[in-house]
Amino acid sequence: MTTDPPTADPTGAGAPDPEQHDALVAALVDLERHIGAAGWDQPSRLFALVLTDVFAAAEPELAAELALRTSAEGGPPGALTAIEQEGFEPSGDLVADLEQLEWPETVFGCAVSAERSFLPSGAEADIPDDPEAAAAYVAAHPDRQEIRVVVGADRAGNTHGVARLVSQPGELLGGEDLVPGLGAALAHTLS
């Protein structure tokens, strides 16, 4: 039996699917744990998100090897499986890199991970305008924070992000608009 992937609202209103949103969040949390197991100072990474049921039907031996559970086997309905895109080489402008992508219909969603440094709001006034000077200023600032974000979007109209600070490794932050520009760029790759 083949299952068609859920799609965005056919009325065109673009209302996100709350049930599929839960599956996206679960996939992002799992991805963040997977990425985090390799430590910090990693390059940005790109993932295709495919419906586990569809993946298992197309690749049953690989799904069994990965111990994926379909909804028929008690797994959550709408679950997503992440497939890393090995050839992704970010240029430094992640949003511009994503603007060049387009996914086939078999890909239900996508996610990207990135590590960044940022400063508390009080320190931002002194950041130089020149991008290279700004990067050097932030890197040398004693109050800088390091963060890893994993942001995803799906064809059901959902976007979400999760983040972890180096200084608070036990706490995972999350929200639909955690990194809105990145979420919008990912959603655009699916349209």
C-alpha atoms as a PDB file:
ATOM      1  CA  MET A   1       0.000   0.000   0.000  1.00  0.00           C
ATOM      2  CA  THR A   2       1.346   3.423  -0.953  1.00  0.00           C
ATOM      3  CA  THR A   3       0.570   6.419   1.181  1.00  0.00           C
ATOM      4  CA  ASP A   4       0.381   9.833  -0.433  1.00  0.00           C
ATOM      5  CA  PRO A   5       2.235  12.450   1.589  1.00  0.00           C
ATOM      6  CA  PRO A   6       0.105  15.012   3.372  1.00  0.00           C
ATOM      7  CA  THR A   7      -0.042  18.247   1.445  1.00  0.00           C
ATOM      8  CA  ALA A   8      -0.690  21.858   2.278  1.00  0.00           C
ATOM      9  CA  ASP A   9      -4.252  23.056   2.690  1.00  0.00           C
ATOM     10  CA  PRO A  10      -5.943  22.530  -0.720  1.00  0.00           C
ATOM     11  CA  THR A  11      -7.866  25.784  -0.297  1.00  0.00           C
ATOM     12  CA  GLY A  12      -4.599  27.652  -0.656  1.00  0.00           C
ATOM     13  CA  ALA A  13      -5.065  29.322   2.711  1.00  0.00           C
ATOM     14  CA  GLY A  14      -1.787  27.756   3.828  1.00  0.00           C
ATOM     15  CA  ALA A  15      -3.050  26.857   7.301  1.00  0.00           C
ATOM     16  CA  PRO A  16      -0.415  24.634   8.916  1.00  0.00           C
ATOM     17  CA  ASP A  17      -1.391  21.098   9.874  1.00  0.00           C
ATOM     18  CA  PRO A  18      -1.081  20.791  13.686  1.00  0.00           C
ATOM     19  CA  GLU A  19      -0.627  17.006  13.621  1.00  0.00           C
ATOM     20  CA  GLN A  20       2.127  17.222  11.042  1.00  0.00           C
ATOM     21  CA  HIS A  21       3.682  20.070  13.049  1.00  0.00           C
ATOM     22  CA  ASP A  22       4.251  17.631  15.925  1.00  0.00           C
ATOM     23  CA  ALA A  23       6.053  15.271  13.536  1.00  0.00           C
ATOM     24  CA  LEU A  24       8.255  18.131  12.308  1.00  0.00           C
ATOM     25  CA  VAL A  25       9.156  19.127  15.873  1.00  0.00           C
ATOM     26  CA  ALA A  26       9.975  15.500  16.751  1.00  0.00           C
ATOM     27  CA  ALA A  27      12.235  15.221  13.692  1.00  0.00           C
ATOM     28  CA  LEU A  28      14.043  18.466  14.562  1.00  0.00           C
ATOM     29  CA  VAL A  29      14.596  17.443  18.189  1.00  0.00           C
ATOM     30  CA  ASP A  30      15.973  14.100  17.002  1.00  0.00           C
ATOM     31  CA  LEU A  31      18.219  15.861  14.479  1.00  0.00           C
ATOM     32  CA  GLU A  32      19.559  18.284  17.096  1.00  0.00           C
ATOM     33  CA  ARG A  33      20.482  15.353  19.366  1.00  0.00           C
ATOM     34  CA  HIS A  34      22.133  13.551  16.450  1.00  0.00           C
ATOM     35  CA  ILE A  35      24.126  16.628  15.420  1.00  0.00           C
ATOM     36  CA  GLY A  36      24.970  17.462  19.029  1.00  0.00           C
ATOM     37  CA  ALA A  37      26.493  14.009  19.555  1.00  0.00           C
ATOM     38  CA  ALA A  38      29.347  15.114  17.275  1.00  0.00           C
ATOM     39  CA  GLY A  39      30.051  18.178  19.425  1.00  0.00           C
ATOM     40  CA  TRP A  40      30.383  21.832  18.496  1.00  0.00           C
ATOM     41  CA  ASP A  41      32.190  23.703  15.714  1.00  0.00           C
ATOM     42  CA  GLN A  42      30.398  21.913  12.895  1.00  0.00           C
ATOM     43  CA  PRO A  43      29.555  23.343   9.479  1.00  0.00           C
ATOM     44  CA  SER A  44      25.939  23.903   8.508  1.00  0.00           C
ATOM     45  CA  ARG A  45      24.220  20.681   7.453  1.00  0.00           C
ATOM     46  CA  LEU A  46      21.182  20.142   5.210  1.00  0.00           C
ATOM     47  CA  PHE A  47      18.589  17.370   5.505  1.00  0.00           C
ATOM     48  CA  ALA A  48      15.679  16.164   3.392  1.00  0.00           C
ATOM     49  CA  LEU A  49      12.703  15.065   5.502  1.00  0.00           C
ATOM     50  CA  VAL A  50      10.671  12.213   4.049  1.00  0.00           C
ATOM     51  CA  LEU A  51       7.576  10.572   5.438  1.00  0.00           C
ATOM     52  CA  THR A  52       8.743   7.429   7.220  1.00  0.00           C
ATOM     53  CA  ASP A  53       5.852   5.362   5.837  1.00  0.00           C
ATOM     54  CA  VAL A  54       6.680   6.394   2.260  1.00  0.00           C
ATOM     55  CA  PHE A  55      10.409   5.813   2.803  1.00  0.00           C
ATOM     56  CA  ALA A  56       9.811   2.355   4.295  1.00  0.00           C
ATOM     57  CA  ALA A  57       7.571   1.389   1.371  1.00  0.00           C
ATOM     58  CA  ALA A  58      10.210   2.501  -1.153  1.00  0.00           C
ATOM     59  CA  GLU A  59      13.253   1.153   0.729  1.00  0.00           C
ATOM     60  CA  PRO A  60      12.055  -1.672   3.022  1.00  0.00           C
ATOM     61  CA  GLU A  61      15.509  -3.219   3.577  1.00  0.00           C
ATOM     62  CA  LEU A  62      17.117   0.109   4.485  1.00  0.00           C
ATOM     63  CA  ALA A  63      14.156   1.021   6.709  1.00  0.00           C
ATOM     64  CA  ALA A  64      14.566  -2.292   8.541  1.00  0.00           C
ATOM     65  CA  GLU A  65      18.330  -1.732   8.880  1.00  0.00           C
ATOM     66  CA  LEU A  66      17.629   1.717  10.389  1.00  0.00           C
ATOM     67  CA  ALA A  67      14.938   0.209  12.661  1.00  0.00           C
ATOM     68  CA  LEU A  68      12.326   2.672  11.408  1.00  0.00           C
ATOM     69  CA  ARG A  69       8.803   2.028  12.661  1.00  0.00           C
ATOM     70  CA  THR A  70       5.982   2.768  10.264  1.00  0.00           C
ATOM     71  CA  SER A  71       2.558   3.816  11.481  1.00  0.00           C
ATOM     72  CA  ALA A  72       1.338   0.278  10.712  1.00  0.00           C
ATOM     73  CA  GLU A  73       4.004  -1.008  13.132  1.00  0.00           C
ATOM     74  CA  GLY A  74       3.010   1.357  15.930  1.00  0.00           C
ATOM     75  CA  GLY A  75       5.136   4.332  14.905  1.00  0.00           C
ATOM     76  CA  PRO A  76       3.590   7.792  14.995  1.00  0.00           C
ATOM     77  CA  PRO A  77       1.486   8.736  11.966  1.00  0.00           C
ATOM     78  CA  GLY A  78       3.165  11.325   9.770  1.00  0.00           C
ATOM     79  CA  ALA A  79       6.619  10.593  11.242  1.00  0.00           C
ATOM     80  CA  LEU A  80       9.555  12.018   9.308  1.00  0.00           C
ATOM     81  CA  THR A  81      12.923  10.470   8.542  1.00  0.00           C
ATOM     82  CA  ALA A  82      15.894  12.782   7.962  1.00  0.00           C
ATOM     83  CA  ILE A  83      18.331  12.124   5.119  1.00  0.00           C
ATOM     84  CA  GLU A  84      21.492  14.228   5.197  1.00  0.00           C
ATOM     85  CA  GLN A  85      22.470  15.867   1.918  1.00  0.00           C
ATOM     86  CA  GLU A  86      26.174  15.072   1.795  1.00  0.00           C
ATOM     87  CA  GLY A  87      27.033  17.463  -1.066  1.00  0.00           C
ATOM     88  CA  PHE A  88      25.803  20.594   0.729  1.00  0.00           C
ATOM     89  CA  GLU A  89      28.654  23.081   1.048  1.00  0.00           C
ATOM     90  CA  PRO A  90      27.487  26.381   2.537  1.00  0.00           C
ATOM     91  CA  SER A  91      29.120  29.529   1.213  1.00  0.00           C
ATOM     92  CA  GLY A  92      28.704  31.626   4.343  1.00  0.00           C
ATOM     93  CA  ASP A  93      25.323  33.124   3.407  1.00  0.00           C
ATOM     94  CA  LEU A  94      23.010  30.283   4.413  1.00  0.00           C
ATOM     95  CA  VAL A  95      19.795  31.972   3.245  1.00  0.00           C
ATOM     96  CA  ALA A  96      21.312  32.652  -0.196  1.00  0.00           C
ATOM     97  CA  ASP A  97      22.497  29.035  -0.377  1.00  0.00           C
ATOM     98  CA  LEU A  98      18.972  27.807   0.375  1.00  0.00           C
ATOM     99  CA  GLU A  99      17.471  30.088  -2.289  1.00  0.00           C
ATOM    100  CA  GLN A 100      19.279  27.946  -4.880  1.00  0.00           C
ATOM    101  CA  LEU A 101      17.568  24.713  -3.765  1.00  0.00           C
ATOM    102  CA  GLU A 102      14.436  23.003  -4.993  1.00  0.00           C
ATOM    103  CA  TRP A 103      13.220  19.665  -3.661  1.00  0.00           C
ATOM    104  CA  PRO A 104      11.401  16.923  -5.595  1.00  0.00           C
ATOM    105  CA  GLU A 105       7.844  16.074  -4.533  1.00  0.00           C
ATOM    106  CA  THR A 106       9.088  12.951  -2.736  1.00  0.00           C
ATOM    107  CA  VAL A 107      10.690  15.224  -0.130  1.00  0.00           C
ATOM    108  CA  PHE A 108       8.018  16.283   2.353  1.00  0.00           C
ATOM    109  CA  GLY A 109      10.170  18.724   4.293  1.00  0.00           C
ATOM    110  CA  CYS A 110      13.694  19.910   4.899  1.00  0.00           C
ATOM    111  CA  ALA A 111      15.889  21.065   7.743  1.00  0.00           C
ATOM    112  CA  VAL A 112      19.177  22.840   8.201  1.00  0.00           C
ATOM    113  CA  SER A 113      21.532  23.097  11.158  1.00  0.00           C
ATOM    114  CA  ALA A 114      23.821  26.029  11.810  1.00  0.00           C
ATOM    115  CA  GLU A 115      26.043  27.295  14.585  1.00  0.00           C
ATOM    116  CA  ARG A 116      26.323  31.005  15.197  1.00  0.00           C
ATOM    117  CA  SER A 117      27.725  33.506  17.677  1.00  0.00           C
ATOM    118  CA  PHE A 118      25.653  36.372  18.967  1.00  0.00           C
ATOM    119  CA  LEU A 119      25.926  39.176  21.477  1.00  0.00           C
ATOM    120  CA  PRO A 120      23.507  40.353  24.146  1.00  0.00           C
ATOM    121  CA  SER A 121      21.369  43.285  22.987  1.00  0.00           C
ATOM    122  CA  GLY A 122      23.426  45.830  24.974  1.00  0.00           C
ATOM    123  CA  ALA A 123      26.589  44.981  23.033  1.00  0.00           C
ATOM    124  CA  GLU A 124      25.077  45.218  19.542  1.00  0.00           C
ATOM    125  CA  ALA A 125      25.394  49.022  19.273  1.00  0.00           C
ATOM    126  CA  ASP A 126      29.185  48.780  18.945  1.00  0.00           C
ATOM    127  CA  ILE A 127      29.232  46.194  16.134  1.00  0.00           C
ATOM    128  CA  PRO A 128      31.051  47.582  13.055  1.00  0.00           C
ATOM    129  CA  ASP A 129      29.157  47.890   9.757  1.00  0.00           C
ATOM    130  CA  ASP A 130      31.790  46.032   7.743  1.00  0.00           C
ATOM    131  CA  PRO A 131      30.858  42.290   7.752  1.00  0.00           C
ATOM    132  CA  GLU A 132      34.424  41.058   8.278  1.00  0.00           C
ATOM    133  CA  ALA A 133      35.091  43.569  11.052  1.00  0.00           C
ATOM    134  CA  ALA A 134      31.729  42.681  12.635  1.00  0.00           C
ATOM    135  CA  ALA A 135      32.576  38.959  12.614  1.00  0.00           C
ATOM    136  CA  ALA A 136      35.961  39.646  14.222  1.00  0.00           C
ATOM    137  CA  TYR A 137      34.334  41.930  16.820  1.00  0.00           C
ATOM    138  CA  VAL A 138      31.747  39.307  17.790  1.00  0.00           C
ATOM    139  CA  ALA A 139      34.343  36.501  17.893  1.00  0.00           C
ATOM    140  CA  ALA A 140      36.538  38.486  20.274  1.00  0.00           C
ATOM    141  CA  HIS A 141      33.766  39.855  22.498  1.00  0.00           C
ATOM    142  CA  PRO A 142      33.809  38.399  26.047  1.00  0.00           C
ATOM    143  CA  ASP A 143      29.971  38.310  26.255  1.00  0.00           C
ATOM    144  CA  ARG A 144      29.375  36.395  23.023  1.00  0.00           C
ATOM    145  CA  GLN A 145      27.145  33.317  23.119  1.00  0.00           C
ATOM    146  CA  GLU A 146      27.424  30.268  20.868  1.00  0.00           C
ATOM    147  CA  ILE A 147      24.202  28.682  19.633  1.00  0.00           C
ATOM    148  CA  ARG A 148      23.261  25.738  17.425  1.00  0.00           C
ATOM    149  CA  VAL A 149      19.930  25.973  15.621  1.00  0.00           C
ATOM    150  CA  VAL A 150      18.085  23.297  13.684  1.00  0.00           C
ATOM    151  CA  VAL A 151      15.257  24.766  11.625  1.00  0.00           C
ATOM    152  CA  GLY A 152      12.778  22.906   9.438  1.00  0.00           C
ATOM    153  CA  ALA A 153       9.799  23.390   7.158  1.00  0.00           C
ATOM    154  CA  ASP A 154       7.334  20.987   5.569  1.00  0.00           C
ATOM    155  CA  ARG A 155       4.833  20.863   2.726  1.00  0.00           C
ATOM    156  CA  ALA A 156       1.951  21.040   5.232  1.00  0.00           C
ATOM    157  CA  GLY A 157       2.858  24.688   5.874  1.00  0.00           C
ATOM    158  CA  ASN A 158       4.710  24.180   9.163  1.00  0.00           C
ATOM    159  CA  THR A 159       8.005  25.741  10.204  1.00  0.00           C
ATOM    160  CA  HIS A 160       9.790  25.272  13.494  1.00  0.00           C
ATOM    161  CA  GLY A 161      13.206  25.629  15.031  1.00  0.00           C
ATOM    162  CA  VAL A 162      15.076  24.255  18.016  1.00  0.00           C
ATOM    163  CA  ALA A 163      18.249  25.707  19.522  1.00  0.00           C
ATOM    164  CA  ARG A 164      20.845  24.929  22.146  1.00  0.00           C
ATOM    165  CA  LEU A 165      23.289  27.353  23.747  1.00  0.00           C
ATOM    166  CA  VAL A 166      26.819  26.207  24.571  1.00  0.00           C
ATOM    167  CA  SER A 167      26.392  27.873  27.967  1.00  0.00           C
ATOM    168  CA  GLN A 168      23.172  25.933  28.718  1.00  0.00           C
ATOM    169  CA  PRO A 169      23.686  22.472  27.208  1.00  0.00           C
ATOM    170  CA  GLY A 170      20.832  20.863  29.140  1.00  0.00           C
ATOM    171  CA  GLU A 171      18.163  23.212  27.786  1.00  0.00           C
ATOM    172  CA  LEU A 172      16.607  22.953  24.331  1.00  0.00           C
ATOM    173  CA  LEU A 173      14.783  26.068  23.123  1.00  0.00           C
ATOM    174  CA  GLY A 174      12.120  25.922  20.445  1.00  0.00           C
ATOM    175  CA  GLY A 175       9.460  27.822  18.577  1.00  0.00           C
ATOM    176  CA  GLU A 176       7.716  28.235  15.260  1.00  0.00           C
ATOM    177  CA  ASP A 177       9.409  31.598  14.631  1.00  0.00           C
ATOM    178  CA  LEU A 178      12.727  30.887  16.325  1.00  0.00           C
ATOM    179  CA  VAL A 179      14.676  31.870  13.172  1.00  0.00           C
ATOM    180  CA  PRO A 180      11.963  33.260  10.864  1.00  0.00           C
ATOM    181  CA  GLY A 181      14.207  34.121   7.912  1.00  0.00           C
ATOM    182  CA  LEU A 182      15.696  30.649   7.835  1.00  0.00           C
ATOM    183  CA  GLY A 183      12.260  29.023   8.192  1.00  0.00           C
ATOM    184  CA  ALA A 184      10.906  31.091   5.305  1.00  0.00           C
ATOM    185  CA  ALA A 185      13.925  30.236   3.125  1.00  0.00           C
ATOM    186  CA  LEU A 186      13.416  26.521   3.813  1.00  0.00           C
ATOM    187  CA  ALA A 187       9.677  26.738   3.081  1.00  0.00           C
ATOM    188  CA  HIS A 188      10.469  28.434  -0.228  1.00  0.00           C
ATOM    189  CA  THR A 189      12.608  25.446  -1.301  1.00  0.00           C
ATOM    190  CA  LEU A 190       9.496  23.264  -1.055  1.00  0.00           C
ATOM    191  CA  SER A 191       7.212  25.440  -3.214  1.00  0.00           C
END
